[in-house]
N, C-alpha and C. Protein backbone atom coordinates (compact mmCIF):
# COMPACT_ATOMS: atom_id res chain seq x y z
N UNK A 1 3.16 -12.84 14.96
CA UNK A 1 3.18 -11.93 14.07
C UNK A 1 4.40 -11.36 13.11
N UNK A 2 4.48 -11.08 12.11
CA UNK A 2 5.94 -11.24 11.56
C UNK A 2 6.01 -9.44 10.96
N UNK A 3 6.96 -8.76 10.87
CA UNK A 3 7.21 -7.73 10.43
C UNK A 3 8.33 -7.81 9.22
N UNK A 4 8.15 -7.32 8.07
CA UNK A 4 9.25 -7.55 7.19
C UNK A 4 8.99 -6.32 5.97
N UNK A 5 9.59 -5.88 5.20
CA UNK A 5 9.93 -4.69 4.38
C UNK A 5 9.42 -5.34 2.66
N UNK A 6 8.83 -4.58 2.10
CA UNK A 6 9.08 -4.77 0.78
C UNK A 6 9.41 -3.30 -0.07
N UNK A 7 10.03 -3.44 -0.78
CA UNK A 7 9.76 -1.94 -1.80
C UNK A 7 10.24 -0.78 -0.84
N UNK A 8 11.13 -0.93 0.65
CA UNK A 8 10.99 0.27 1.33
C UNK A 8 10.10 0.06 2.29
N UNK A 9 8.76 -0.15 2.31
CA UNK A 9 7.28 -0.32 2.98
C UNK A 9 7.42 -1.31 3.89
N UNK A 10 7.34 -0.35 5.42
CA UNK A 10 7.33 -2.04 6.20
C UNK A 10 5.67 -2.35 6.44
N UNK A 11 5.63 -3.89 6.55
CA UNK A 11 4.63 -4.47 6.56
C UNK A 11 4.32 -5.37 7.68
N UNK A 12 3.47 -5.53 8.34
CA UNK A 12 3.28 -6.91 9.62
C UNK A 12 1.98 -7.70 9.43
N UNK A 13 2.04 -8.76 9.56
CA UNK A 13 0.76 -9.33 9.76
C UNK A 13 -0.18 -9.72 11.53
N UNK A 14 -1.09 -9.60 10.89
CA UNK A 14 -1.55 -8.71 11.94
C UNK A 14 -2.13 -9.80 13.01
N UNK A 15 -2.16 -11.11 12.03
CA UNK A 15 -2.30 -12.25 12.75
C UNK A 15 -1.92 -13.75 11.88
N UNK A 16 -1.96 -14.52 12.22
CA UNK A 16 -1.39 -15.78 11.77
C UNK A 16 -3.21 -16.57 11.33
N UNK A 17 -2.63 -17.59 10.60
CA UNK A 17 -3.65 -17.85 9.54
C UNK A 17 -4.03 -19.21 10.78
N UNK A 18 -5.54 -19.60 10.58
CA UNK A 18 -5.50 -20.53 11.58
C UNK A 18 -5.25 -21.81 11.12
N UNK A 19 -5.11 -23.05 11.31
CA UNK A 19 -5.23 -24.41 10.90
C UNK A 19 -5.82 -24.48 10.05
N UNK A 20 -6.95 -24.61 9.88
CA UNK A 20 -7.75 -24.82 8.52
C UNK A 20 -7.72 -24.35 7.50
N UNK A 21 -7.14 -22.70 7.86
CA UNK A 21 -6.96 -21.58 6.72
C UNK A 21 -5.19 -22.24 5.84
N UNK A 22 -4.52 -22.20 7.26
CA UNK A 22 -3.24 -22.97 6.06
C UNK A 22 -3.56 -24.36 5.57
N UNK A 23 -4.67 -25.35 6.05
CA UNK A 23 -4.39 -26.42 5.38
C UNK A 23 -4.75 -25.82 4.03
N UNK A 24 -5.90 -25.36 3.75
CA UNK A 24 -6.42 -25.15 2.49
C UNK A 24 -5.64 -24.41 1.60
N UNK A 25 -4.61 -23.58 2.22
CA UNK A 25 -3.51 -23.45 1.24
C UNK A 25 -2.68 -24.19 0.82
N UNK A 26 -2.18 -25.06 1.42
CA UNK A 26 -1.15 -25.88 1.48
C UNK A 26 -1.59 -27.03 0.23
N UNK A 27 -2.73 -27.06 0.48
CA UNK A 27 -3.80 -27.71 -0.45
C UNK A 27 -3.88 -26.89 -1.49
N UNK A 28 -3.97 -25.96 -2.01
CA UNK A 28 -3.82 -25.48 -3.43
C UNK A 28 -2.89 -25.05 -3.77
N UNK A 29 -1.46 -25.21 -2.77
CA UNK A 29 -0.29 -25.02 -3.19
C UNK A 29 0.40 -26.34 -3.95
N UNK A 30 -0.27 -27.26 -3.47
CA UNK A 30 0.41 -28.71 -3.33
C UNK A 30 0.89 -28.83 -4.91
N UNK A 31 0.18 -28.41 -6.04
CA UNK A 31 0.64 -28.66 -7.30
C UNK A 31 2.41 -28.03 -7.78
N UNK A 32 2.87 -27.31 -6.79
CA UNK A 32 3.74 -26.42 -6.98
C UNK A 32 4.95 -27.37 -6.30
N UNK A 33 4.82 -27.71 -5.33
CA UNK A 33 5.51 -28.79 -4.03
C UNK A 33 6.68 -29.27 -4.60
N UNK A 34 6.15 -30.02 -6.24
CA UNK A 34 7.48 -30.60 -6.84
C UNK A 34 8.61 -29.70 -6.98
N UNK A 35 8.22 -28.40 -7.55
CA UNK A 35 9.19 -27.24 -7.77
C UNK A 35 9.62 -26.55 -7.11
N UNK A 36 9.23 -26.63 -5.44
CA UNK A 36 9.00 -25.32 -4.91
C UNK A 36 10.58 -25.18 -4.79
N UNK A 37 11.22 -26.01 -4.07
CA UNK A 37 12.69 -26.18 -3.13
C UNK A 37 13.51 -24.86 -4.69
N UNK A 38 13.40 -25.49 -5.71
CA UNK A 38 14.69 -25.11 -6.65
C UNK A 38 14.05 -23.74 -7.38
N UNK A 39 12.72 -23.24 -6.73
CA UNK A 39 12.13 -22.03 -7.09
C UNK A 39 12.03 -20.66 -6.45
N UNK A 40 12.27 -21.37 -4.70
CA UNK A 40 12.25 -20.17 -4.12
C UNK A 40 12.68 -19.14 -4.71
N UNK A 41 14.18 -19.31 -4.24
CA UNK A 41 15.34 -17.90 -5.00
C UNK A 41 14.95 -17.55 -6.25
N UNK A 42 15.04 -18.06 -7.27
CA UNK A 42 15.03 -17.52 -8.61
C UNK A 42 13.58 -16.56 -8.43
N UNK A 43 12.34 -17.28 -8.08
CA UNK A 43 11.31 -16.25 -7.83
C UNK A 43 11.37 -14.90 -7.26
N UNK A 44 12.43 -14.90 -6.25
CA UNK A 44 12.31 -13.77 -5.25
C UNK A 44 13.81 -13.35 -5.42
N UNK A 45 14.60 -13.75 -5.99
CA UNK A 45 15.92 -12.77 -5.79
C UNK A 45 15.46 -11.79 -7.14
N UNK A 46 16.30 -10.89 -7.28
CA UNK A 46 17.19 -10.11 -8.81
C UNK A 46 17.22 -10.56 -9.90
N UNK A 47 17.66 -9.77 -10.74
CA UNK A 47 17.75 -10.44 -11.91
C UNK A 47 19.14 -11.55 -11.79
N UNK A 48 19.52 -12.20 -12.77
CA UNK A 48 20.69 -13.10 -12.83
C UNK A 48 22.05 -11.97 -12.65
N UNK A 49 23.32 -11.89 -12.61
CA UNK A 49 24.43 -11.15 -12.69
C UNK A 49 25.33 -11.84 -13.65
N UNK A 50 25.01 -12.77 -14.17
CA UNK A 50 26.00 -13.53 -15.09
C UNK A 50 24.86 -14.66 -16.22
N UNK A 51 25.32 -14.92 -17.38
CA UNK A 51 25.35 -15.53 -18.16
C UNK A 51 24.69 -17.05 -17.54
N UNK A 52 25.53 -17.77 -16.45
CA UNK A 52 25.44 -18.89 -16.58
C UNK A 52 24.15 -18.99 -15.34
N UNK A 53 24.25 -17.65 -14.71
CA UNK A 53 23.22 -17.92 -13.48
C UNK A 53 22.08 -17.41 -14.41
N UNK A 54 21.84 -16.83 -15.28
CA UNK A 54 20.75 -16.64 -16.11
C UNK A 54 19.97 -18.07 -16.73
N UNK A 55 20.68 -18.81 -16.89
CA UNK A 55 20.70 -20.16 -17.61
C UNK A 55 19.93 -20.89 -15.96
N UNK A 56 20.36 -21.13 -15.23
CA UNK A 56 20.14 -21.46 -13.84
C UNK A 56 18.75 -21.00 -13.79
N UNK A 57 18.65 -19.81 -13.45
CA UNK A 57 17.28 -18.93 -13.18
C UNK A 57 16.33 -19.42 -13.76
N UNK A 58 16.53 -19.20 -15.59
CA UNK A 58 15.35 -19.78 -16.26
C UNK A 58 15.06 -21.41 -15.98
N UNK A 59 16.63 -22.11 -15.63
CA UNK A 59 15.89 -23.67 -16.19
C UNK A 59 14.91 -24.04 -14.75
N UNK A 60 15.65 -23.39 -13.16
CA UNK A 60 14.64 -23.34 -12.04
C UNK A 60 12.75 -22.81 -12.06
N UNK A 61 13.60 -21.34 -12.87
CA UNK A 61 11.90 -21.36 -12.68
C UNK A 61 10.94 -21.63 -13.89
N UNK A 62 11.72 -22.17 -15.05
CA UNK A 62 10.45 -22.76 -16.17
C UNK A 62 8.78 -23.86 -15.07
N UNK A 63 9.65 -24.76 -14.78
CA UNK A 63 8.82 -25.49 -13.79
C UNK A 63 7.88 -25.21 -13.27
N UNK A 64 8.63 -24.12 -12.34
CA UNK A 64 7.63 -23.89 -11.08
C UNK A 64 6.33 -22.68 -12.13
N UNK A 65 7.07 -21.85 -13.27
CA UNK A 65 5.82 -21.30 -13.82
C UNK A 65 4.82 -22.10 -14.49
N UNK A 66 5.20 -23.10 -15.26
CA UNK A 66 4.14 -24.12 -15.48
C UNK A 66 3.13 -24.60 -14.95
N UNK A 67 3.64 -25.02 -13.37
CA UNK A 67 2.98 -25.70 -12.55
C UNK A 67 1.93 -24.61 -11.66
N UNK A 68 2.85 -23.39 -12.03
CA UNK A 68 1.64 -22.24 -11.17
C UNK A 68 0.77 -21.92 -12.23
N UNK A 69 1.01 -21.81 -13.77
CA UNK A 69 -0.11 -21.66 -15.12
C UNK A 69 -1.59 -22.42 -14.63
N UNK A 70 -1.32 -23.85 -14.15
CA UNK A 70 -2.01 -24.96 -14.00
C UNK A 70 -3.14 -24.76 -13.01
N UNK A 71 -3.23 -23.81 -12.15
CA UNK A 71 -3.51 -23.73 -10.69
C UNK A 71 -5.03 -22.66 -11.23
N UNK A 72 -6.05 -23.28 -11.04
CA UNK A 72 -7.00 -22.67 -11.40
C UNK A 72 -6.94 -21.44 -10.65
N UNK A 73 -7.78 -20.21 -11.26
CA UNK A 73 -8.01 -18.73 -10.99
C UNK A 73 -8.65 -18.39 -9.55
N UNK A 74 -9.32 -19.44 -9.42
CA UNK A 74 -10.09 -19.55 -8.14
C UNK A 74 -9.38 -19.89 -6.97
N UNK A 75 -8.24 -20.70 -7.08
CA UNK A 75 -7.46 -21.19 -5.94
C UNK A 75 -6.42 -20.08 -5.71
N UNK A 76 -5.82 -19.51 -6.94
CA UNK A 76 -5.06 -18.47 -6.54
C UNK A 76 -5.73 -17.48 -5.99
N UNK A 77 -6.72 -16.81 -6.70
CA UNK A 77 -7.31 -15.93 -5.77
C UNK A 77 -7.75 -16.07 -4.00
N UNK A 78 -8.25 -17.32 -3.72
CA UNK A 78 -8.25 -17.95 -2.33
C UNK A 78 -6.61 -17.24 -1.74
N UNK A 79 -5.70 -18.38 -2.11
CA UNK A 79 -4.45 -17.44 -1.59
C UNK A 79 -4.12 -16.41 -1.58
N UNK A 80 -3.97 -15.66 -2.36
CA UNK A 80 -3.61 -14.51 -2.47
C UNK A 80 -4.67 -13.51 -1.56
N UNK A 81 -6.04 -13.44 -1.64
CA UNK A 81 -6.47 -13.01 -0.65
C UNK A 81 -6.81 -13.16 0.73
N UNK A 82 -6.71 -14.29 1.22
CA UNK A 82 -6.07 -15.08 2.53
C UNK A 82 -4.76 -14.10 2.88
N UNK A 83 -4.09 -14.23 2.30
CA UNK A 83 -2.50 -13.91 2.53
C UNK A 83 -2.77 -12.46 2.47
N UNK A 84 -3.46 -11.27 2.04
CA UNK A 84 -3.83 -9.96 1.69
C UNK A 84 -4.66 -9.56 3.40
N UNK A 85 -5.20 -10.54 3.20
CA UNK A 85 -6.43 -9.93 4.32
C UNK A 85 -5.28 -9.90 5.77
N UNK A 86 -4.75 -10.74 5.92
CA UNK A 86 -4.14 -10.52 7.77
C UNK A 86 -2.57 -9.26 7.35
N UNK A 87 -2.55 -9.08 6.09
CA UNK A 87 -1.22 -7.68 6.56
C UNK A 87 -1.73 -6.51 6.47
N UNK A 88 -0.86 -5.81 7.48
CA UNK A 88 -0.74 -4.38 7.64
C UNK A 88 0.19 -4.11 7.23
N UNK A 89 -0.19 -2.20 6.77
CA UNK A 89 0.87 -1.01 6.43
C UNK A 89 1.14 -0.02 7.35
N UNK A 90 2.39 -0.36 7.65
CA UNK A 90 3.00 0.83 8.55
C UNK A 90 2.70 2.43 7.47
N UNK A 91 2.15 3.34 8.86
CA UNK A 91 2.38 4.65 8.24
C UNK A 91 2.67 6.04 9.22
N UNK A 92 3.70 6.84 9.11
CA UNK A 92 3.74 7.89 10.17
C UNK A 92 3.69 9.13 9.33
N UNK A 93 3.49 9.72 10.58
CA UNK A 93 3.04 10.90 10.24
C UNK A 93 1.90 11.90 11.43
N UNK A 94 1.88 13.30 11.17
CA UNK A 94 0.98 13.84 11.85
C UNK A 94 1.50 14.15 13.93
N UNK A 95 2.60 13.43 13.84
CA UNK A 95 3.36 13.28 15.10
C UNK A 95 2.28 12.35 16.07
N UNK A 96 1.74 11.29 15.38
CA UNK A 96 1.08 10.60 15.61
C UNK A 96 1.61 9.28 16.09
N UNK A 97 2.67 9.42 15.69
CA UNK A 97 3.86 8.01 15.64
C UNK A 97 3.53 6.67 14.55
N UNK A 98 3.57 5.49 14.79
CA UNK A 98 3.14 4.92 13.99
C UNK A 98 1.94 3.92 14.08
N UNK A 99 1.36 4.32 12.75
CA UNK A 99 -0.23 3.29 12.64
C UNK A 99 0.19 2.43 11.78
N UNK A 100 -0.99 1.52 11.81
CA UNK A 100 -1.35 0.36 10.78
C UNK A 100 -2.79 0.16 10.20
N UNK A 101 -2.66 0.32 8.88
CA UNK A 101 -3.52 -0.03 8.17
C UNK A 101 -3.56 -1.09 7.13
N UNK A 102 -4.59 -2.34 7.39
CA UNK A 102 -5.15 -3.30 6.57
C UNK A 102 -4.41 -2.83 4.94
N UNK A 103 -3.96 -3.57 4.61
CA UNK A 103 -3.89 -3.35 3.12
C UNK A 103 -4.95 -4.30 2.00
N UNK A 104 -5.65 -4.83 2.67
CA UNK A 104 -6.41 -5.40 1.86
C UNK A 104 -8.17 -5.27 1.96
N UNK A 105 -8.63 -4.59 1.06
CA UNK A 105 -10.40 -4.29 1.42
C UNK A 105 -11.27 -5.33 1.20
N UNK A 106 -11.93 -6.42 2.11
CA UNK A 106 -12.50 -7.55 1.90
C UNK A 106 -14.20 -7.35 1.18
N UNK A 107 -14.34 -6.09 1.46
CA UNK A 107 -15.99 -5.62 0.94
C UNK A 107 -15.70 -5.58 -0.80
N UNK A 108 -14.31 -4.72 -1.08
CA UNK A 108 -14.04 -4.61 -2.66
C UNK A 108 -13.44 -5.75 -3.28
N UNK A 109 -12.36 -6.61 -2.51
CA UNK A 109 -12.05 -7.93 -2.94
C UNK A 109 -10.67 -7.46 -3.93
N UNK A 110 -10.22 -5.88 -3.23
CA UNK A 110 -8.94 -5.13 -3.59
C UNK A 110 -7.95 -4.72 -2.57
N UNK A 111 -6.79 -4.86 -3.15
CA UNK A 111 -5.62 -4.43 -2.74
C UNK A 111 -6.54 -2.55 -2.16
N UNK A 112 -5.61 -2.14 -1.15
CA UNK A 112 -6.16 -0.93 -0.70
C UNK A 112 -4.75 -0.14 -1.22
N UNK A 113 -4.00 -0.35 -1.64
CA UNK A 113 -2.62 0.86 -2.13
C UNK A 113 -2.74 0.47 -3.62
N UNK A 114 -2.48 1.36 -4.72
CA UNK A 114 -2.70 0.92 -5.42
C UNK A 114 -0.93 0.96 -6.35
N UNK A 115 -0.60 1.30 -5.17
CA UNK A 115 1.40 1.60 -5.53
C UNK A 115 2.18 -0.04 -5.24
N UNK A 116 1.06 -0.93 -4.44
CA UNK A 116 0.94 -2.71 -4.39
C UNK A 116 1.27 -2.83 -6.12
N UNK A 117 2.30 -3.38 -6.50
CA UNK A 117 2.36 -4.14 -7.93
C UNK A 117 2.43 -5.41 -7.50
N UNK A 118 2.94 -6.47 -8.72
CA UNK A 118 2.54 -7.51 -8.63
C UNK A 118 3.95 -8.37 -7.90
N UNK A 119 4.84 -7.72 -8.26
CA UNK A 119 5.82 -8.20 -7.64
C UNK A 119 6.11 -8.12 -6.04
N UNK A 120 5.42 -6.83 -5.68
CA UNK A 120 5.64 -6.32 -4.16
C UNK A 120 4.09 -7.42 -4.01
N UNK A 121 3.47 -7.30 -4.30
CA UNK A 121 2.53 -8.45 -3.81
C UNK A 121 2.52 -9.77 -3.62
N UNK A 122 3.27 -10.15 -4.58
CA UNK A 122 4.25 -11.66 -4.08
C UNK A 122 4.97 -11.70 -3.15
N UNK A 123 5.59 -11.03 -3.20
CA UNK A 123 6.76 -11.27 -2.35
C UNK A 123 5.79 -10.53 -0.46
N UNK A 124 5.24 -10.23 -0.55
CA UNK A 124 4.22 -10.01 0.47
C UNK A 124 3.63 -10.93 0.79
N UNK A 125 2.86 -12.00 -0.35
CA UNK A 125 2.21 -13.17 -0.05
C UNK A 125 3.45 -14.31 0.59
N UNK A 126 4.14 -14.16 0.12
CA UNK A 126 5.67 -15.04 0.52
C UNK A 126 5.69 -15.12 1.63
N UNK A 127 5.56 -13.83 2.98
CA UNK A 127 6.16 -13.76 3.64
C UNK A 127 5.39 -14.27 4.57
N UNK A 128 3.56 -14.30 4.24
CA UNK A 128 2.23 -14.34 4.83
C UNK A 128 2.76 -16.06 4.61
N UNK A 129 2.92 -16.56 3.39
CA UNK A 129 3.40 -17.61 3.72
C UNK A 129 4.30 -18.37 4.01
N UNK A 130 5.50 -18.06 4.49
CA UNK A 130 6.46 -18.08 5.54
C UNK A 130 6.22 -18.47 6.63
N UNK A 131 5.34 -17.17 6.83
CA UNK A 131 5.05 -17.58 8.36
C UNK A 131 4.05 -18.40 8.54
N UNK A 132 3.36 -18.36 8.40
CA UNK A 132 1.92 -19.55 8.40
C UNK A 132 2.35 -20.83 8.39
N UNK A 133 3.30 -21.20 7.11
CA UNK A 133 3.22 -22.56 6.56
C UNK A 133 4.75 -23.21 6.68
N UNK A 134 5.81 -22.39 6.93
CA UNK A 134 7.08 -22.76 7.12
C UNK A 134 7.32 -24.26 8.33
N UNK A 135 7.50 -25.41 7.67
CA UNK A 135 7.82 -26.41 8.56
C UNK A 135 7.27 -27.45 7.45
N UNK A 136 6.26 -27.00 6.62
CA UNK A 136 5.42 -27.72 6.05
C UNK A 136 6.36 -27.61 4.58
N UNK A 137 7.13 -27.28 3.81
CA UNK A 137 7.43 -27.20 2.69
C UNK A 137 9.03 -26.76 3.23
N UNK A 138 9.88 -27.96 3.12
CA UNK A 138 11.26 -27.19 3.30
C UNK A 138 12.01 -27.47 2.49
N UNK A 139 12.74 -26.23 2.49
CA UNK A 139 13.63 -25.92 0.74
C UNK A 139 15.00 -26.67 1.42
N UNK A 140 15.98 -27.32 0.47
CA UNK A 140 17.23 -27.66 1.02
C UNK A 140 17.95 -26.68 1.25
N UNK A 141 19.20 -26.93 2.00
CA UNK A 141 19.91 -25.76 3.09
C UNK A 141 20.72 -24.71 2.16
N UNK A 142 20.58 -25.28 0.93
CA UNK A 142 21.51 -24.55 -0.12
C UNK A 142 20.20 -23.17 -0.73
N UNK A 143 19.39 -23.77 -0.59
CA UNK A 143 18.58 -22.30 -1.29
C UNK A 143 17.89 -21.51 0.03
N UNK A 144 18.10 -19.91 -0.88
CA UNK A 144 17.57 -19.18 -0.12
C UNK A 144 16.39 -18.42 -0.55
N UNK A 145 16.31 -17.60 0.63
CA UNK A 145 15.13 -16.50 0.47
C UNK A 145 15.94 -15.00 -0.65
N UNK A 146 15.06 -13.95 -0.67
CA UNK A 146 15.35 -12.96 -1.36
C UNK A 146 16.86 -12.13 -0.62
N UNK A 147 16.98 -12.56 0.34
CA UNK A 147 18.05 -12.25 1.25
C UNK A 147 19.58 -12.98 1.01
N UNK A 148 19.00 -14.13 0.52
CA UNK A 148 19.85 -14.66 0.55
C UNK A 148 20.10 -15.98 2.11
N UNK A 149 18.90 -15.79 3.12
CA UNK A 149 19.31 -16.78 4.28
C UNK A 149 18.74 -18.02 3.57
N UNK A 150 18.88 -18.96 4.48
CA UNK A 150 18.51 -20.27 3.97
C UNK A 150 17.02 -20.34 4.55
N UNK A 151 15.98 -21.13 4.25
CA UNK A 151 14.80 -20.89 5.05
C UNK A 151 13.93 -22.29 4.49
N UNK A 152 13.12 -22.56 5.32
CA UNK A 152 12.04 -23.44 5.35
C UNK A 152 10.75 -22.80 5.19
N UNK A 153 9.70 -23.84 4.63
CA UNK A 153 8.41 -23.14 4.16
C UNK A 153 7.36 -24.03 5.20
N UNK A 154 7.38 -23.87 6.25
CA UNK A 154 6.51 -24.68 7.31
C UNK A 154 6.39 -24.11 8.82
N UNK A 155 4.76 -24.87 9.15
CA UNK A 155 3.78 -24.01 10.53
C UNK A 155 5.26 -24.32 11.36
């Protein structure tokens, strides 16, 4: 299980995806592989601070976005739904300490929390993918995550 924070909210994965699920996610993300190393940092980082960084940001993001746009909705839904299905969110209060609740309702096919907007959902999915696929998708050492720490995406 991995613990992580998105927008000041604590999340954790309640289990790792099994090998078949990992395979099917990797297969569906294959069209992004050619662009992934360049796009990891720009997609997850905050907006660039200067004009030169903005140009590099756009140059890296454009091919990634174009490849992402070509992935069928059904494949995107599969990846996002599966990623969301293994995540829980922390709650504290009522003197009971910290409790954890699933963020995904499989019967309704939707997130349980309306405050999880697109950017947060993408960062949550990325955390699940990083935990489950680290070692399968490897990024060069000069490319970092949203925190600036070098990473790899493989099991």
